[in-house]
Amino acid sequence: MAAFSGGKTYHHGDLRNALICAAVDLATEGGPERVVLREAARRVGVSPTAAYRHFDGRGELLRAVRTHARRRLADSMERAAAREPGADDPTLAAERRVAALCRGYVGFALDQPGLYRAAFCVPRPAGTAGAAAERQPAEPEIRAFTLLGEALEALTRRGTARQGARAVSGAAAWSAVHGLSLLLVDGPLRRLPVQRRNAVVETTLAMVVSGARAL
């Protein structure tokens, strides 16, 4: 990669995406705390000044990494659901899809703990004043939650669930798998032997499915 000299500006074909890729690598290695704009610029081979032409600061870069991480999380869930065998019984098929999506969620957290942390980080606004915080873009829809919510809706429609109960079932299930993921990645369950860890995961998923079925 070319070096800087004589005041010449380094030209990169797609510097913004290159910086995001470098930042994603940093998050993969050490979570959102590792994402620093200057370090991303160094890895790409450009000056911090060049990087600041594409990002206002660390917060904006971290939001781009968070978007990437959330997309990867949803992709993991969809791959897990695609691997799940179908079933002639629609209710059983719906149950299997819910469990598979949850399994893909937890699996991503275990396989990519740094990116998993980045997926739910809260980047600091560019300024510290309340007005600066208000200028931050609205939170986009999280596809992982949408996937789980839709699968649970399909399952609860086959039962006698009240409409109000259906509306909160997604949040309740997400709380269960997200909490379990955090415990396995950063909490007291992170040292569980693989066999016990898998048993805890499967028991939690069975509770999510049975809870939705009982609504």
C-alpha atoms as a PDB file:
ATOM      1  CA  MET A   1       0.000   0.000   0.000  1.00  0.00           C
ATOM      2  CA  ALA A   2       1.298   3.438  -0.936  1.00  0.00           C
ATOM      3  CA  ALA A   3       2.910   5.687   1.648  1.00  0.00           C
ATOM      4  CA  PHE A   4       2.284   9.377   2.244  1.00  0.00           C
ATOM      5  CA  SER A   5       4.900  11.796   1.023  1.00  0.00           C
ATOM      6  CA  GLY A   6       5.262  15.330  -0.197  1.00  0.00           C
ATOM      7  CA  GLY A   7       1.778  16.333   0.870  1.00  0.00           C
ATOM      8  CA  LYS A   8       0.169  14.048  -1.732  1.00  0.00           C
ATOM      9  CA  THR A   9      -3.262  12.687  -0.893  1.00  0.00           C
ATOM     10  CA  TYR A  10      -3.582   8.918  -0.802  1.00  0.00           C
ATOM     11  CA  HIS A  11      -6.463   7.757  -2.979  1.00  0.00           C
ATOM     12  CA  HIS A  12      -8.394   4.625  -2.071  1.00  0.00           C
ATOM     13  CA  GLY A  13     -11.023   3.167  -4.369  1.00  0.00           C
ATOM     14  CA  ASP A  14     -13.580   2.711  -1.574  1.00  0.00           C
ATOM     15  CA  LEU A  15     -12.052   4.069   1.583  1.00  0.00           C
ATOM     16  CA  ARG A  16     -15.258   4.156   3.605  1.00  0.00           C
ATOM     17  CA  ASN A  17     -15.899   0.439   3.174  1.00  0.00           C
ATOM     18  CA  ALA A  18     -12.219  -0.341   3.717  1.00  0.00           C
ATOM     19  CA  LEU A  19     -12.375   1.477   7.053  1.00  0.00           C
ATOM     20  CA  ILE A  20     -15.530  -0.399   8.017  1.00  0.00           C
ATOM     21  CA  CYS A  21     -13.860  -3.721   7.168  1.00  0.00           C
ATOM     22  CA  ALA A  22     -10.862  -2.798   9.296  1.00  0.00           C
ATOM     23  CA  ALA A  23     -13.159  -1.764  12.149  1.00  0.00           C
ATOM     24  CA  VAL A  24     -15.093  -5.032  11.866  1.00  0.00           C
ATOM     25  CA  ASP A  25     -11.788  -6.889  12.202  1.00  0.00           C
ATOM     26  CA  LEU A  26     -10.993  -4.847  15.304  1.00  0.00           C
ATOM     27  CA  ALA A  27     -14.392  -5.660  16.829  1.00  0.00           C
ATOM     28  CA  THR A  28     -13.936  -9.340  15.978  1.00  0.00           C
ATOM     29  CA  GLU A  29     -10.610  -9.339  17.805  1.00  0.00           C
ATOM     30  CA  GLY A  30     -11.680  -7.479  20.915  1.00  0.00           C
ATOM     31  CA  GLY A  31     -15.247  -6.239  20.849  1.00  0.00           C
ATOM     32  CA  PRO A  32     -16.507  -2.678  20.366  1.00  0.00           C
ATOM     33  CA  GLU A  33     -13.883  -1.275  22.747  1.00  0.00           C
ATOM     34  CA  ARG A  34     -11.207  -2.059  20.158  1.00  0.00           C
ATOM     35  CA  VAL A  35     -12.882  -0.012  17.429  1.00  0.00           C
ATOM     36  CA  VAL A  36     -10.888   3.210  17.098  1.00  0.00           C
ATOM     37  CA  LEU A  37     -10.942   5.349  13.965  1.00  0.00           C
ATOM     38  CA  ARG A  38      -7.210   6.039  14.039  1.00  0.00           C
ATOM     39  CA  GLU A  39      -6.403   2.333  14.316  1.00  0.00           C
ATOM     40  CA  ALA A  40      -8.761   1.503  11.454  1.00  0.00           C
ATOM     41  CA  ALA A  41      -7.023   4.174   9.364  1.00  0.00           C
ATOM     42  CA  ARG A  42      -3.617   2.745  10.248  1.00  0.00           C
ATOM     43  CA  ARG A  43      -4.675  -0.742   9.178  1.00  0.00           C
ATOM     44  CA  VAL A  44      -5.985   0.538   5.866  1.00  0.00           C
ATOM     45  CA  GLY A  45      -2.853   2.587   5.328  1.00  0.00           C
ATOM     46  CA  VAL A  46      -4.281   6.097   5.296  1.00  0.00           C
ATOM     47  CA  SER A  47      -3.975   9.091   7.565  1.00  0.00           C
ATOM     48  CA  PRO A  48      -6.495   9.810  10.328  1.00  0.00           C
ATOM     49  CA  THR A  49      -7.358  12.990   8.422  1.00  0.00           C
ATOM     50  CA  ALA A  50      -8.407  10.918   5.412  1.00  0.00           C
ATOM     51  CA  ALA A  51     -10.522   8.703   7.657  1.00  0.00           C
ATOM     52  CA  TYR A  52     -12.289  11.701   9.179  1.00  0.00           C
ATOM     53  CA  ARG A  53     -13.482  12.695   5.722  1.00  0.00           C
ATOM     54  CA  HIS A  54     -15.732   9.626   5.812  1.00  0.00           C
ATOM     55  CA  PHE A  55     -16.652   9.420   9.503  1.00  0.00           C
ATOM     56  CA  ASP A  56     -17.364  12.192  11.997  1.00  0.00           C
ATOM     57  CA  GLY A  57     -15.712  10.138  14.716  1.00  0.00           C
ATOM     58  CA  ARG A  58     -15.543   6.823  16.497  1.00  0.00           C
ATOM     59  CA  GLY A  59     -19.271   6.766  17.205  1.00  0.00           C
ATOM     60  CA  GLU A  60     -20.232   6.854  13.539  1.00  0.00           C
ATOM     61  CA  LEU A  61     -17.705   4.147  12.662  1.00  0.00           C
ATOM     62  CA  LEU A  62     -18.948   2.003  15.525  1.00  0.00           C
ATOM     63  CA  ARG A  63     -22.533   2.360  14.316  1.00  0.00           C
ATOM     64  CA  ALA A  64     -21.420   1.006  10.929  1.00  0.00           C
ATOM     65  CA  VAL A  65     -19.757  -1.948  12.671  1.00  0.00           C
ATOM     66  CA  ARG A  66     -22.896  -2.517  14.732  1.00  0.00           C
ATOM     67  CA  THR A  67     -25.004  -2.647  11.560  1.00  0.00           C
ATOM     68  CA  HIS A  68     -22.621  -5.206  10.065  1.00  0.00           C
ATOM     69  CA  ALA A  69     -22.629  -7.300  13.246  1.00  0.00           C
ATOM     70  CA  ARG A  70     -26.418  -7.314  13.438  1.00  0.00           C
ATOM     71  CA  ARG A  71     -26.613  -8.448   9.830  1.00  0.00           C
ATOM     72  CA  ARG A  72     -24.187 -11.277  10.563  1.00  0.00           C
ATOM     73  CA  LEU A  73     -26.265 -12.279  13.598  1.00  0.00           C
ATOM     74  CA  ALA A  74     -29.452 -12.498  11.531  1.00  0.00           C
ATOM     75  CA  ASP A  75     -27.599 -14.434   8.827  1.00  0.00           C
ATOM     76  CA  SER A  76     -26.482 -16.957  11.457  1.00  0.00           C
ATOM     77  CA  MET A  77     -30.074 -17.400  12.584  1.00  0.00           C
ATOM     78  CA  GLU A  78     -31.351 -17.903   9.044  1.00  0.00           C
ATOM     79  CA  ARG A  79     -28.634 -20.457   8.270  1.00  0.00           C
ATOM     80  CA  ALA A  80     -29.537 -22.408  11.401  1.00  0.00           C
ATOM     81  CA  ALA A  81     -33.218 -22.366  10.434  1.00  0.00           C
ATOM     82  CA  ALA A  82     -32.387 -23.508   6.893  1.00  0.00           C
ATOM     83  CA  ARG A  83     -30.533 -26.543   8.278  1.00  0.00           C
ATOM     84  CA  GLU A  84     -33.492 -27.606  10.412  1.00  0.00           C
ATOM     85  CA  PRO A  85     -35.442 -30.537   8.911  1.00  0.00           C
ATOM     86  CA  GLY A  86     -39.025 -29.805   8.026  1.00  0.00           C
ATOM     87  CA  ALA A  87     -42.078 -31.504   9.458  1.00  0.00           C
ATOM     88  CA  ASP A  88     -45.465 -32.499   8.062  1.00  0.00           C
ATOM     89  CA  ASP A  89     -47.119 -31.191  11.224  1.00  0.00           C
ATOM     90  CA  PRO A  90     -47.279 -27.364  10.884  1.00  0.00           C
ATOM     91  CA  THR A  91     -47.088 -26.874  14.637  1.00  0.00           C
ATOM     92  CA  LEU A  92     -43.978 -29.031  14.935  1.00  0.00           C
ATOM     93  CA  ALA A  93     -42.415 -27.215  11.972  1.00  0.00           C
ATOM     94  CA  ALA A  94     -43.108 -23.869  13.652  1.00  0.00           C
ATOM     95  CA  GLU A  95     -41.592 -25.094  16.922  1.00  0.00           C
ATOM     96  CA  ARG A  96     -38.472 -26.312  15.146  1.00  0.00           C
ATOM     97  CA  ARG A  97     -38.024 -22.991  13.360  1.00  0.00           C
ATOM     98  CA  VAL A  98     -38.239 -21.027  16.624  1.00  0.00           C
ATOM     99  CA  ALA A  99     -35.691 -23.317  18.285  1.00  0.00           C
ATOM    100  CA  ALA A 100     -33.366 -23.196  15.272  1.00  0.00           C
ATOM    101  CA  LEU A 101     -33.429 -19.397  15.088  1.00  0.00           C
ATOM    102  CA  CYS A 102     -32.612 -19.200  18.789  1.00  0.00           C
ATOM    103  CA  ARG A 103     -29.833 -21.749  18.326  1.00  0.00           C
ATOM    104  CA  GLY A 104     -28.350 -19.645  15.543  1.00  0.00           C
ATOM    105  CA  TYR A 105     -28.520 -16.591  17.803  1.00  0.00           C
ATOM    106  CA  VAL A 106     -26.648 -18.226  20.658  1.00  0.00           C
ATOM    107  CA  GLY A 107     -24.248 -19.894  18.240  1.00  0.00           C
ATOM    108  CA  PHE A 108     -23.246 -16.553  16.757  1.00  0.00           C
ATOM    109  CA  ALA A 109     -22.563 -15.148  20.217  1.00  0.00           C
ATOM    110  CA  LEU A 110     -20.320 -18.114  21.034  1.00  0.00           C
ATOM    111  CA  ASP A 111     -18.511 -18.150  17.687  1.00  0.00           C
ATOM    112  CA  GLN A 112     -18.103 -14.375  17.356  1.00  0.00           C
ATOM    113  CA  PRO A 113     -18.170 -12.872  20.856  1.00  0.00           C
ATOM    114  CA  GLY A 114     -16.496  -9.629  19.775  1.00  0.00           C
ATOM    115  CA  LEU A 115     -18.981  -8.999  16.987  1.00  0.00           C
ATOM    116  CA  TYR A 116     -21.852 -10.081  19.226  1.00  0.00           C
ATOM    117  CA  ARG A 117     -20.887  -7.431  21.760  1.00  0.00           C
ATOM    118  CA  ALA A 118     -20.581  -4.887  18.953  1.00  0.00           C
ATOM    119  CA  ALA A 119     -24.068  -5.759  17.678  1.00  0.00           C
ATOM    120  CA  PHE A 120     -25.609  -4.341  20.854  1.00  0.00           C
ATOM    121  CA  CYS A 121     -23.156  -1.619  21.797  1.00  0.00           C
ATOM    122  CA  VAL A 122     -24.344   1.954  22.323  1.00  0.00           C
ATOM    123  CA  PRO A 123     -21.975   4.351  20.530  1.00  0.00           C
ATOM    124  CA  ARG A 124     -21.502   7.664  22.270  1.00  0.00           C
ATOM    125  CA  PRO A 125     -22.943  10.662  20.424  1.00  0.00           C
ATOM    126  CA  ALA A 126     -20.490  13.003  18.725  1.00  0.00           C
ATOM    127  CA  GLY A 127     -21.246  15.667  21.330  1.00  0.00           C
ATOM    128  CA  THR A 128     -22.072  15.447  25.012  1.00  0.00           C
ATOM    129  CA  ALA A 129     -24.979  17.906  24.997  1.00  0.00           C
ATOM    130  CA  GLY A 130     -28.553  16.668  24.790  1.00  0.00           C
ATOM    131  CA  ALA A 131     -29.043  18.370  21.430  1.00  0.00           C
ATOM    132  CA  ALA A 132     -26.184  16.333  19.983  1.00  0.00           C
ATOM    133  CA  ALA A 133     -27.765  13.123  21.208  1.00  0.00           C
ATOM    134  CA  GLU A 134     -31.048  14.112  19.560  1.00  0.00           C
ATOM    135  CA  ARG A 135     -29.299  14.440  16.195  1.00  0.00           C
ATOM    136  CA  GLN A 136     -28.258  10.786  16.201  1.00  0.00           C
ATOM    137  CA  PRO A 137     -30.049   8.669  13.553  1.00  0.00           C
ATOM    138  CA  ALA A 138     -33.040   6.609  14.633  1.00  0.00           C
ATOM    139  CA  GLU A 139     -32.375   2.995  15.527  1.00  0.00           C
ATOM    140  CA  PRO A 140     -33.042   0.730  12.529  1.00  0.00           C
ATOM    141  CA  GLU A 141     -35.132  -2.376  12.916  1.00  0.00           C
ATOM    142  CA  ILE A 142     -33.098  -5.310  14.220  1.00  0.00           C
ATOM    143  CA  ARG A 143     -33.659  -8.173  11.785  1.00  0.00           C
ATOM    144  CA  ALA A 144     -32.736 -10.806  14.377  1.00  0.00           C
ATOM    145  CA  PHE A 145     -35.662  -9.695  16.528  1.00  0.00           C
ATOM    146  CA  THR A 146     -37.972  -9.539  13.504  1.00  0.00           C
ATOM    147  CA  LEU A 147     -37.078 -13.103  12.503  1.00  0.00           C
ATOM    148  CA  LEU A 148     -37.724 -14.425  15.986  1.00  0.00           C
ATOM    149  CA  GLY A 149     -40.924 -12.429  16.377  1.00  0.00           C
ATOM    150  CA  GLU A 150     -42.347 -13.686  13.094  1.00  0.00           C
ATOM    151  CA  ALA A 151     -41.500 -17.290  13.930  1.00  0.00           C
ATOM    152  CA  LEU A 152     -43.133 -16.994  17.342  1.00  0.00           C
ATOM    153  CA  GLU A 153     -46.180 -15.363  15.803  1.00  0.00           C
ATOM    154  CA  ALA A 154     -46.524 -18.309  13.439  1.00  0.00           C
ATOM    155  CA  LEU A 155     -46.285 -20.672  16.402  1.00  0.00           C
ATOM    156  CA  THR A 156     -48.692 -18.860  18.714  1.00  0.00           C
ATOM    157  CA  ARG A 157     -51.290 -18.542  15.953  1.00  0.00           C
ATOM    158  CA  ARG A 158     -51.650 -22.309  16.169  1.00  0.00           C
ATOM    159  CA  GLY A 159     -52.560 -22.129  19.839  1.00  0.00           C
ATOM    160  CA  THR A 160     -55.125 -20.202  21.823  1.00  0.00           C
ATOM    161  CA  ALA A 161     -52.908 -17.262  22.690  1.00  0.00           C
ATOM    162  CA  ARG A 162     -54.539 -13.922  23.369  1.00  0.00           C
ATOM    163  CA  GLN A 163     -53.494 -11.156  20.991  1.00  0.00           C
ATOM    164  CA  GLY A 164     -51.848  -9.228  23.829  1.00  0.00           C
ATOM    165  CA  ALA A 165     -49.793 -12.254  24.806  1.00  0.00           C
ATOM    166  CA  ARG A 166     -48.660 -12.733  21.211  1.00  0.00           C
ATOM    167  CA  ALA A 167     -47.466  -9.153  21.037  1.00  0.00           C
ATOM    168  CA  VAL A 168     -44.956  -9.608  23.880  1.00  0.00           C
ATOM    169  CA  SER A 169     -43.873 -13.193  23.179  1.00  0.00           C
ATOM    170  CA  GLY A 170     -41.075 -12.023  20.877  1.00  0.00           C
ATOM    171  CA  ALA A 171     -39.591  -9.712  23.472  1.00  0.00           C
ATOM    172  CA  ALA A 172     -39.806 -12.420  26.133  1.00  0.00           C
ATOM    173  CA  ALA A 173     -38.075 -15.013  23.916  1.00  0.00           C
ATOM    174  CA  TRP A 174     -35.421 -12.522  22.832  1.00  0.00           C
ATOM    175  CA  SER A 175     -34.744 -11.689  26.473  1.00  0.00           C
ATOM    176  CA  ALA A 176     -34.187 -15.375  27.191  1.00  0.00           C
ATOM    177  CA  VAL A 177     -31.743 -16.077  24.351  1.00  0.00           C
ATOM    178  CA  HIS A 178     -29.964 -12.733  24.690  1.00  0.00           C
ATOM    179  CA  GLY A 179     -29.545 -13.176  28.433  1.00  0.00           C
ATOM    180  CA  LEU A 180     -28.277 -16.711  27.949  1.00  0.00           C
ATOM    181  CA  SER A 181     -25.822 -15.517  25.297  1.00  0.00           C
ATOM    182  CA  LEU A 182     -24.422 -12.854  27.599  1.00  0.00           C
ATOM    183  CA  LEU A 183     -24.030 -15.365  30.419  1.00  0.00           C
ATOM    184  CA  LEU A 184     -22.183 -17.759  28.110  1.00  0.00           C
ATOM    185  CA  VAL A 185     -19.948 -15.111  26.552  1.00  0.00           C
ATOM    186  CA  ASP A 186     -19.122 -12.801  29.461  1.00  0.00           C
ATOM    187  CA  GLY A 187     -20.881 -14.198  32.503  1.00  0.00           C
ATOM    188  CA  PRO A 188     -20.487 -17.034  34.999  1.00  0.00           C
ATOM    189  CA  LEU A 189     -21.553 -19.672  32.452  1.00  0.00           C
ATOM    190  CA  ARG A 190     -18.619 -18.977  30.141  1.00  0.00           C
ATOM    191  CA  ARG A 191     -16.507 -21.713  31.768  1.00  0.00           C
ATOM    192  CA  LEU A 192     -19.068 -24.479  31.406  1.00  0.00           C
ATOM    193  CA  PRO A 193     -17.777 -27.631  29.712  1.00  0.00           C
ATOM    194  CA  VAL A 194     -19.096 -27.933  26.161  1.00  0.00           C
ATOM    195  CA  GLN A 195     -21.462 -30.775  26.982  1.00  0.00           C
ATOM    196  CA  ARG A 196     -23.069 -28.923  29.884  1.00  0.00           C
ATOM    197  CA  ARG A 197     -23.177 -25.704  27.894  1.00  0.00           C
ATOM    198  CA  ASN A 198     -25.030 -27.436  25.066  1.00  0.00           C
ATOM    199  CA  ALA A 199     -27.467 -28.921  27.564  1.00  0.00           C
ATOM    200  CA  VAL A 200     -28.160 -25.469  29.041  1.00  0.00           C
ATOM    201  CA  VAL A 201     -28.724 -24.031  25.571  1.00  0.00           C
ATOM    202  CA  GLU A 202     -31.127 -26.770  24.517  1.00  0.00           C
ATOM    203  CA  THR A 203     -33.040 -26.591  27.802  1.00  0.00           C
ATOM    204  CA  THR A 204     -33.435 -22.833  27.415  1.00  0.00           C
ATOM    205  CA  LEU A 205     -34.655 -23.218  23.827  1.00  0.00           C
ATOM    206  CA  ALA A 206     -37.153 -25.869  24.938  1.00  0.00           C
ATOM    207  CA  MET A 207     -38.441 -23.432  27.574  1.00  0.00           C
ATOM    208  CA  VAL A 208     -38.834 -20.690  24.952  1.00  0.00           C
ATOM    209  CA  VAL A 209     -40.811 -23.001  22.660  1.00  0.00           C
ATOM    210  CA  SER A 210     -42.969 -24.462  25.431  1.00  0.00           C
ATOM    211  CA  GLY A 211     -43.626 -20.990  26.822  1.00  0.00           C
ATOM    212  CA  ALA A 212     -44.789 -19.711  23.441  1.00  0.00           C
ATOM    213  CA  ARG A 213     -46.929 -22.797  22.920  1.00  0.00           C
ATOM    214  CA  ALA A 214     -48.602 -22.281  26.315  1.00  0.00           C
ATOM    215  CA  LEU A 215     -49.609 -18.672  25.695  1.00  0.00           C
END
